[in-house]
PDB file of N, CA and C in Angstrom:
ATOM      1  N   MET A   1      30.254  -5.665-101.976  1.00  0.00           N
ATOM      2  CA  MET A   1      29.815  -4.920-103.135  1.00  0.00           C
ATOM      3  C   MET A   1      30.336  -3.483-102.997  1.00  0.00           C
ATOM      4  N   SER A   2      30.979  -3.004-104.026  1.00  0.00           N
ATOM      5  CA  SER A   2      31.533  -1.648-104.003  1.00  0.00           C
ATOM      6  C   SER A   2      30.421  -0.617-104.166  1.00  0.00           C
ATOM      7  N   THR A   3      30.747   0.643-103.899  1.00  0.00           N
ATOM      8  CA  THR A   3      29.787   1.730-104.056  1.00  0.00           C
ATOM      9  C   THR A   3      29.291   1.809-105.499  1.00  0.00           C
ATOM     10  N   ALA A   4      30.197   1.648-106.432  1.00  0.00           N
ATOM     11  CA  ALA A   4      29.810   1.689-107.848  1.00  0.00           C
ATOM     12  C   ALA A   4      28.877   0.531-108.192  1.00  0.00           C
ATOM     13  N   GLU A   5      29.168  -0.640-107.660  1.00  0.00           N
ATOM     14  CA  GLU A   5      28.315  -1.808-107.917  1.00  0.00           C
ATOM     15  C   GLU A   5      26.928  -1.619-107.305  1.00  0.00           C
ATOM     16  N   ILE A   6      26.878  -1.025-106.125  1.00  0.00           N
ATOM     17  CA  ILE A   6      25.590  -0.755-105.473  1.00  0.00           C
ATOM     18  C   ILE A   6      24.767   0.203-106.322  1.00  0.00           C
ATOM     19  N   LYS A   7      25.408   1.277-106.788  1.00  0.00           N
ATOM     20  CA  LYS A   7      24.701   2.249-107.632  1.00  0.00           C
ATOM     21  C   LYS A   7      24.181   1.595-108.901  1.00  0.00           C
ATOM     22  N   GLN A   8      24.991   0.759-109.525  1.00  0.00           N
ATOM     23  CA  GLN A   8      24.587   0.081-110.758  1.00  0.00           C
ATOM     24  C   GLN A   8      23.444  -0.889-110.489  1.00  0.00           C
ATOM     25  N   THR A   9      23.510  -1.606-109.398  1.00  0.00           N
ATOM     26  CA  THR A   9      22.433  -2.545-109.047  1.00  0.00           C
ATOM     27  C   THR A   9      21.128  -1.804-108.807  1.00  0.00           C
ATOM     28  N   LYS A  10      21.208  -0.686-108.079  1.00  0.00           N
ATOM     29  CA  LYS A  10      20.006   0.118-107.827  1.00  0.00           C
ATOM     30  C   LYS A  10      19.406   0.615-109.139  1.00  0.00           C
ATOM     31  N   ALA A  11      20.235   1.137-110.011  1.00  0.00           N
ATOM     32  CA  ALA A  11      19.757   1.649-111.299  1.00  0.00           C
ATOM     33  C   ALA A  11      19.098   0.538-112.110  1.00  0.00           C
ATOM     34  N   SER A  12      19.726  -0.621-112.102  1.00  0.00           N
ATOM     35  CA  SER A  12      19.187  -1.760-112.842  1.00  0.00           C
ATOM     36  C   SER A  12      17.839  -2.194-112.272  1.00  0.00           C
ATOM     37  N   LEU A  13      17.734  -2.237-110.944  1.00  0.00           N
ATOM     38  CA  LEU A  13      16.473  -2.618-110.313  1.00  0.00           C
ATOM     39  C   LEU A  13      15.373  -1.596-110.587  1.00  0.00           C
ATOM     40  N   ILE A  14      15.717  -0.316-110.516  1.00  0.00           N
ATOM     41  CA  ILE A  14      14.731   0.735-110.797  1.00  0.00           C
ATOM     42  C   ILE A  14      14.215   0.599-112.224  1.00  0.00           C
ATOM     43  N   GLU A  15      15.118   0.388-113.162  1.00  0.00           N
ATOM     44  CA  GLU A  15      14.725   0.230-114.559  1.00  0.00           C
ATOM     45  C   GLU A  15      13.809  -0.985-114.722  1.00  0.00           C
ATOM     46  N   TRP A  16      14.176  -2.081-114.072  1.00  0.00           N
ATOM     47  CA  TRP A  16      13.381  -3.311-114.146  1.00  0.00           C
ATOM     48  C   TRP A  16      11.994  -3.103-113.537  1.00  0.00           C
ATOM     49  N   ILE A  17      11.933  -2.471-112.354  1.00  0.00           N
ATOM     50  CA  ILE A  17      10.648  -2.235-111.687  1.00  0.00           C
ATOM     51  C   ILE A  17       9.755  -1.344-112.544  1.00  0.00           C
ATOM     52  N   ASN A  18      10.328  -0.337-113.173  1.00  0.00           N
ATOM     53  CA  ASN A  18       9.550   0.553-114.027  1.00  0.00           C
ATOM     54  C   ASN A  18       8.904  -0.164-115.205  1.00  0.00           C
ATOM     55  N   GLN A  19       9.454  -1.292-115.590  1.00  0.00           N
ATOM     56  CA  GLN A  19       8.921  -2.028-116.733  1.00  0.00           C
ATOM     57  C   GLN A  19       7.914  -3.112-116.332  1.00  0.00           C
ATOM     58  N   ILE A  20       7.777  -3.381-115.049  1.00  0.00           N
ATOM     59  CA  ILE A  20       6.867  -4.441-114.588  1.00  0.00           C
ATOM     60  C   ILE A  20       5.417  -4.001-114.763  1.00  0.00           C
ATOM     61  N   THR A  21       4.627  -4.890-115.349  1.00  0.00           N
ATOM     62  CA  THR A  21       3.199  -4.621-115.500  1.00  0.00           C
ATOM     63  C   THR A  21       2.351  -5.631-114.727  1.00  0.00           C
ATOM     64  N   ASP A  22       2.974  -6.705-114.275  1.00  0.00           N
ATOM     65  CA  ASP A  22       2.257  -7.758-113.548  1.00  0.00           C
ATOM     66  C   ASP A  22       2.001  -7.328-112.103  1.00  0.00           C
ATOM     67  N   SER A  23       0.734  -7.267-111.722  1.00  0.00           N
ATOM     68  CA  SER A  23       0.382  -6.793-110.384  1.00  0.00           C
ATOM     69  C   SER A  23       0.873  -7.734-109.285  1.00  0.00           C
ATOM     70  N   LYS A  24       0.927  -9.034-109.559  1.00  0.00           N
ATOM     71  CA  LYS A  24       1.408  -9.981-108.541  1.00  0.00           C
ATOM     72  C   LYS A  24       2.884  -9.739-108.223  1.00  0.00           C
ATOM     73  N   THR A  25       3.660  -9.483-109.237  1.00  0.00           N
ATOM     74  CA  THR A  25       5.082  -9.198-109.036  1.00  0.00           C
ATOM     75  C   THR A  25       5.258  -7.899-108.268  1.00  0.00           C
ATOM     76  N   LEU A  26       4.498  -6.883-108.630  1.00  0.00           N
ATOM     77  CA  LEU A  26       4.579  -5.603-107.922  1.00  0.00           C
ATOM     78  C   LEU A  26       4.154  -5.746-106.462  1.00  0.00           C
ATOM     79  N   THR A  27       3.121  -6.540-106.217  1.00  0.00           N
ATOM     80  CA  THR A  27       2.662  -6.786-104.851  1.00  0.00           C
ATOM     81  C   THR A  27       3.752  -7.488-104.045  1.00  0.00           C
ATOM     82  N   ALA A  28       4.421  -8.453-104.654  1.00  0.00           N
ATOM     83  CA  ALA A  28       5.498  -9.168-103.970  1.00  0.00           C
ATOM     84  C   ALA A  28       6.663  -8.238-103.651  1.00  0.00           C
ATOM     85  N   ILE A  29       7.003  -7.368-104.577  1.00  0.00           N
ATOM     86  CA  ILE A  29       8.089  -6.407-104.350  1.00  0.00           C
ATOM     87  C   ILE A  29       7.706  -5.436-103.240  1.00  0.00           C
ATOM     88  N   GLU A  30       6.466  -4.989-103.247  1.00  0.00           N
ATOM     89  CA  GLU A  30       5.992  -4.070-102.206  1.00  0.00           C
ATOM     90  C   GLU A  30       6.023  -4.743-100.837  1.00  0.00           C
ATOM     91  N   ALA A  31       5.638  -6.006-100.770  1.00  0.00           N
ATOM     92  CA  ALA A  31       5.678  -6.744 -99.501  1.00  0.00           C
ATOM     93  C   ALA A  31       7.112  -6.862 -98.998  1.00  0.00           C
ATOM     94  N   LEU A  32       8.044  -7.120 -99.896  1.00  0.00           N
ATOM     95  CA  LEU A  32       9.456  -7.197 -99.529  1.00  0.00           C
ATOM     96  C   LEU A  32       9.949  -5.857 -99.007  1.00  0.00           C
ATOM     97  N   ARG A  33       9.547  -4.780 -99.658  1.00  0.00           N
ATOM     98  CA  ARG A  33       9.950  -3.444 -99.224  1.00  0.00           C
ATOM     99  C   ARG A  33       9.427  -3.146 -97.826  1.00  0.00           C
ATOM    100  N   LYS A  34       8.165  -3.460 -97.583  1.00  0.00           N
ATOM    101  CA  LYS A  34       7.576  -3.210 -96.267  1.00  0.00           C
ATOM    102  C   LYS A  34       8.257  -4.049 -95.197  1.00  0.00           C
ATOM    103  N   LYS A  35       8.554  -5.296 -95.521  1.00  0.00           N
ATOM    104  CA  LYS A  35       9.207  -6.177 -94.551  1.00  0.00           C
ATOM    105  C   LYS A  35      10.601  -5.659 -94.210  1.00  0.00           C
ATOM    106  N   SER A  36      11.316  -5.158 -95.196  1.00  0.00           N
ATOM    107  CA  SER A  36      12.682  -4.690 -94.958  1.00  0.00           C
ATOM    108  C   SER A  36      12.705  -3.373 -94.196  1.00  0.00           C
ATOM    109  N   ASN A  37      11.577  -2.654 -94.155  1.00  0.00           N
ATOM    110  CA  ASN A  37      11.512  -1.395 -93.427  1.00  0.00           C
ATOM    111  C   ASN A  37      11.110  -1.572 -91.972  1.00  0.00           C
ATOM    112  N   ASN A  38      10.780  -2.802 -91.564  1.00  0.00           N
ATOM    113  CA  ASN A  38      10.380  -3.041 -90.184  1.00  0.00           C
ATOM    114  C   ASN A  38      11.543  -2.803 -89.238  1.00  0.00           C
ATOM    115  N   ASP A  39      11.238  -2.216 -88.119  1.00  0.00           N
ATOM    116  CA  ASP A  39      12.225  -2.006 -87.073  1.00  0.00           C
ATOM    117  C   ASP A  39      12.382  -3.314 -86.301  1.00  0.00           C
ATOM    118  N   TRP A  40      13.598  -3.800 -86.139  1.00  0.00           N
ATOM    119  CA  TRP A  40      13.810  -5.077 -85.463  1.00  0.00           C
ATOM    120  C   TRP A  40      13.241  -5.047 -84.049  1.00  0.00           C
ATOM    121  N   TRP A  41      13.189  -3.880 -83.429  1.00  0.00           N
ATOM    122  CA  TRP A  41      12.649  -3.767 -82.072  1.00  0.00           C
ATOM    123  C   TRP A  41      11.192  -4.236 -82.037  1.00  0.00           C
ATOM    124  N   ASP A  42      10.451  -3.932 -83.081  1.00  0.00           N
ATOM    125  CA  ASP A  42       9.047  -4.315 -83.142  1.00  0.00           C
ATOM    126  C   ASP A  42       8.859  -5.827 -83.251  1.00  0.00           C
ATOM    127  N   GLU A  43       9.891  -6.523 -83.668  1.00  0.00           N
ATOM    128  CA  GLU A  43       9.816  -7.977 -83.825  1.00  0.00           C
ATOM    129  C   GLU A  43      10.129  -8.722 -82.531  1.00  0.00           C
ATOM    130  N   LEU A  44      10.637  -8.016 -81.517  1.00  0.00           N
ATOM    131  CA  LEU A  44      11.000  -8.656 -80.254  1.00  0.00           C
ATOM    132  C   LEU A  44       9.784  -8.892 -79.376  1.00  0.00           C
ATOM    133  N   SER A  45       9.868  -9.925 -78.551  1.00  0.00           N
ATOM    134  CA  SER A  45       8.801 -10.173 -77.583  1.00  0.00           C
ATOM    135  C   SER A  45       8.924  -9.162 -76.444  1.00  0.00           C
ATOM    136  N   ASP A  46       7.862  -9.041 -75.651  1.00  0.00           N
ATOM    137  CA  ASP A  46       7.909  -8.131 -74.507  1.00  0.00           C
ATOM    138  C   ASP A  46       9.005  -8.530 -73.530  1.00  0.00           C
ATOM    139  N   THR A  47       9.195  -9.835 -73.343  1.00  0.00           N
ATOM    140  CA  THR A  47      10.249 -10.319 -72.443  1.00  0.00           C
ATOM    141  C   THR A  47      11.622  -9.914 -72.945  1.00  0.00           C
ATOM    142  N   GLN A  48      11.862 -10.054 -74.234  1.00  0.00           N
ATOM    143  CA  GLN A  48      13.147  -9.660 -74.805  1.00  0.00           C
ATOM    144  C   GLN A  48      13.387  -8.166 -74.624  1.00  0.00           C
ATOM    145  N   LYS A  49      12.351  -7.361 -74.858  1.00  0.00           N
ATOM    146  CA  LYS A  49      12.474  -5.913 -74.672  1.00  0.00           C
ATOM    147  C   LYS A  49      12.785  -5.574 -73.221  1.00  0.00           C
ATOM    148  N   GLU A  50      12.131  -6.281 -72.283  1.00  0.00           N
ATOM    149  CA  GLU A  50      12.381  -6.049 -70.861  1.00  0.00           C
ATOM    150  C   GLU A  50      13.838  -6.349 -70.515  1.00  0.00           C
ATOM    151  N   HIS A  51      14.353  -7.470 -71.015  1.00  0.00           N
ATOM    152  CA  HIS A  51      15.746  -7.841 -70.734  1.00  0.00           C
ATOM    153  C   HIS A  51      16.722  -6.814 -71.294  1.00  0.00           C
ATOM    154  N   ILE A  52      16.465  -6.339 -72.489  1.00  0.00           N
ATOM    155  CA  ILE A  52      17.332  -5.314 -73.079  1.00  0.00           C
ATOM    156  C   ILE A  52      17.283  -4.045 -72.246  1.00  0.00           C
ATOM    157  N   ASN A  53      16.089  -3.630 -71.868  1.00  0.00           N
ATOM    158  CA  ASN A  53      15.953  -2.421 -71.055  1.00  0.00           C
ATOM    159  C   ASN A  53      16.622  -2.577 -69.692  1.00  0.00           C
ATOM    160  N   GLU A  54      16.543  -3.772 -69.098  1.00  0.00           N
ATOM    161  CA  GLU A  54      17.238  -4.025 -67.833  1.00  0.00           C
ATOM    162  C   GLU A  54      18.751  -3.889 -68.020  1.00  0.00           C
ATOM    163  N   GLY A  55      19.253  -4.403 -69.123  1.00  0.00           N
ATOM    164  CA  GLY A  55      20.678  -4.286 -69.415  1.00  0.00           C
ATOM    165  C   GLY A  55      21.099  -2.837 -69.585  1.00  0.00           C
ATOM    166  N   LEU A  56      20.278  -2.063 -70.257  1.00  0.00           N
ATOM    167  CA  LEU A  56      20.587  -0.634 -70.430  1.00  0.00           C
ATOM    168  C   LEU A  56      20.578   0.096 -69.087  1.00  0.00           C
ATOM    169  N   GLU A  57      19.657  -0.272 -68.209  1.00  0.00           N
ATOM    170  CA  GLU A  57      19.628   0.320 -66.868  1.00  0.00           C
ATOM    171  C   GLU A  57      20.873  -0.071 -66.078  1.00  0.00           C
ATOM    172  N   ASP A  58      21.319  -1.319 -66.227  1.00  0.00           N
ATOM    173  CA  ASP A  58      22.560  -1.755 -65.572  1.00  0.00           C
ATOM    174  C   ASP A  58      23.736  -0.900 -66.029  1.00  0.00           C
ATOM    175  N   ILE A  59      23.806  -0.627 -67.311  1.00  0.00           N
ATOM    176  CA  ILE A  59      24.892   0.200 -67.845  1.00  0.00           C
ATOM    177  C   ILE A  59      24.830   1.597 -67.242  1.00  0.00           C
ATOM    178  N   LYS A  60      23.637   2.181 -67.226  1.00  0.00           N
ATOM    179  CA  LYS A  60      23.483   3.529 -66.664  1.00  0.00           C
ATOM    180  C   LYS A  60      23.879   3.576 -65.197  1.00  0.00           C
ATOM    181  N   ALA A  61      23.587   2.491 -64.467  1.00  0.00           N
ATOM    182  CA  ALA A  61      23.878   2.440 -63.033  1.00  0.00           C
ATOM    183  C   ALA A  61      25.319   2.009 -62.747  1.00  0.00           C
ATOM    184  N   GLY A  62      26.082   1.713 -63.788  1.00  0.00           N
ATOM    185  CA  GLY A  62      27.474   1.330 -63.592  1.00  0.00           C
ATOM    186  C   GLY A  62      27.662  -0.127 -63.224  1.00  0.00           C
ATOM    187  N   ARG A  63      26.618  -0.928 -63.356  1.00  0.00           N
ATOM    188  CA  ARG A  63      26.713  -2.360 -63.035  1.00  0.00           C
ATOM    189  C   ARG A  63      27.212  -3.105 -64.275  1.00  0.00           C
ATOM    190  N   VAL A  64      28.503  -2.916 -64.560  1.00  0.00           N
ATOM    191  CA  VAL A  64      29.126  -3.532 -65.734  1.00  0.00           C
ATOM    192  C   VAL A  64      30.467  -4.137 -65.341  1.00  0.00           C
ATOM    193  N   MET A  65      30.956  -5.026 -66.176  1.00  0.00           N
ATOM    194  CA  MET A  65      32.297  -5.587 -65.995  1.00  0.00           C
ATOM    195  C   MET A  65      32.870  -5.924 -67.355  1.00  0.00           C
ATOM    196  N   THR A  66      34.170  -5.988 -67.415  1.00  0.00           N
ATOM    197  CA  THR A  66      34.822  -6.347 -68.673  1.00  0.00           C
ATOM    198  C   THR A  66      34.652  -7.838 -68.914  1.00  0.00           C
ATOM    199  N   SER A  67      34.911  -8.242 -70.137  1.00  0.00           N
ATOM    200  CA  SER A  67      34.866  -9.665 -70.471  1.00  0.00           C
ATOM    201  C   SER A  67      35.863 -10.444 -69.622  1.00  0.00           C
ATOM    202  N   LYS A  68      37.059  -9.881 -69.437  1.00  0.00           N
ATOM    203  CA  LYS A  68      38.086 -10.551 -68.617  1.00  0.00           C
ATOM    204  C   LYS A  68      37.605 -10.728 -67.187  1.00  0.00           C
ATOM    205  N   GLU A  69      36.980  -9.697 -66.633  1.00  0.00           N
ATOM    206  CA  GLU A  69      36.464  -9.805 -65.264  1.00  0.00           C
ATOM    207  C   GLU A  69      35.398 -10.896 -65.162  1.00  0.00           C
ATOM    208  N   MET A  70      34.558 -10.986 -66.169  1.00  0.00           N
ATOM    209  CA  MET A  70      33.512 -12.009 -66.172  1.00  0.00           C
ATOM    210  C   MET A  70      34.109 -13.415 -66.218  1.00  0.00           C
ATOM    211  N   TRP A  71      35.074 -13.614 -67.114  1.00  0.00           N
ATOM    212  CA  TRP A  71      35.703 -14.935 -67.237  1.00  0.00           C
ATOM    213  C   TRP A  71      36.494 -15.274 -65.981  1.00  0.00           C
ATOM    214  N   ASP A  72      37.168 -14.294 -65.410  1.00  0.00           N
ATOM    215  CA  ASP A  72      37.919 -14.531 -64.164  1.00  0.00           C
ATOM    216  C   ASP A  72      36.973 -14.958 -63.049  1.00  0.00           C
ATOM    217  N   SER A  73      35.817 -14.320 -62.957  1.00  0.00           N
ATOM    218  CA  SER A  73      34.853 -14.695 -61.906  1.00  0.00           C
ATOM    219  C   SER A  73      34.308 -16.096 -62.122  1.00  0.00           C
ATOM    220  N   LEU A  74      34.142 -16.507 -63.377  1.00  0.00           N
ATOM    221  CA  LEU A  74      33.679 -17.867 -63.657  1.00  0.00           C
ATOM    222  C   LEU A  74      34.746 -18.897 -63.304  1.00  0.00           C
ATOM    223  N   ASN A  75      35.988 -18.565 -63.575  1.00  0.00           N
ATOM    224  CA  ASN A  75      37.088 -19.485 -63.296  1.00  0.00           C
ATOM    225  C   ASN A  75      37.343 -19.649 -61.810  1.00  0.00           C
ATOM    226  N   GLN A  76      36.928 -18.665 -60.998  1.00  0.00           N
ATOM    227  CA  GLN A  76      37.119 -18.759 -59.550  1.00  0.00           C
ATOM    228  C   GLN A  76      36.053 -19.639 -58.898  1.00  0.00           C
ATOM    229  N   SER A  77      34.965 -19.868 -59.587  1.00  0.00           N
ATOM    230  CA  SER A  77      33.860 -20.634 -59.003  1.00  0.00           C
ATOM    231  C   SER A  77      34.176 -22.106 -58.934  1.00  0.00           C
TER     232      SER A  77
END
């Protein structure tokens, strides 16, 4: 979608929302808005967060390798 198309879609949606009088429809739109504003981090389990944080610590400590190095090590096994 181009920038112009995005702007037109937004304008069209704003106009449509301004005309809605049905509370159920407005509630559904509000729920969608709240859901789309959630931070994906909040949706992760504690275990997933721990694994990500461990990976970030590995990067900080220099415990990294290139993809080629990883594949080469697997092929040597």
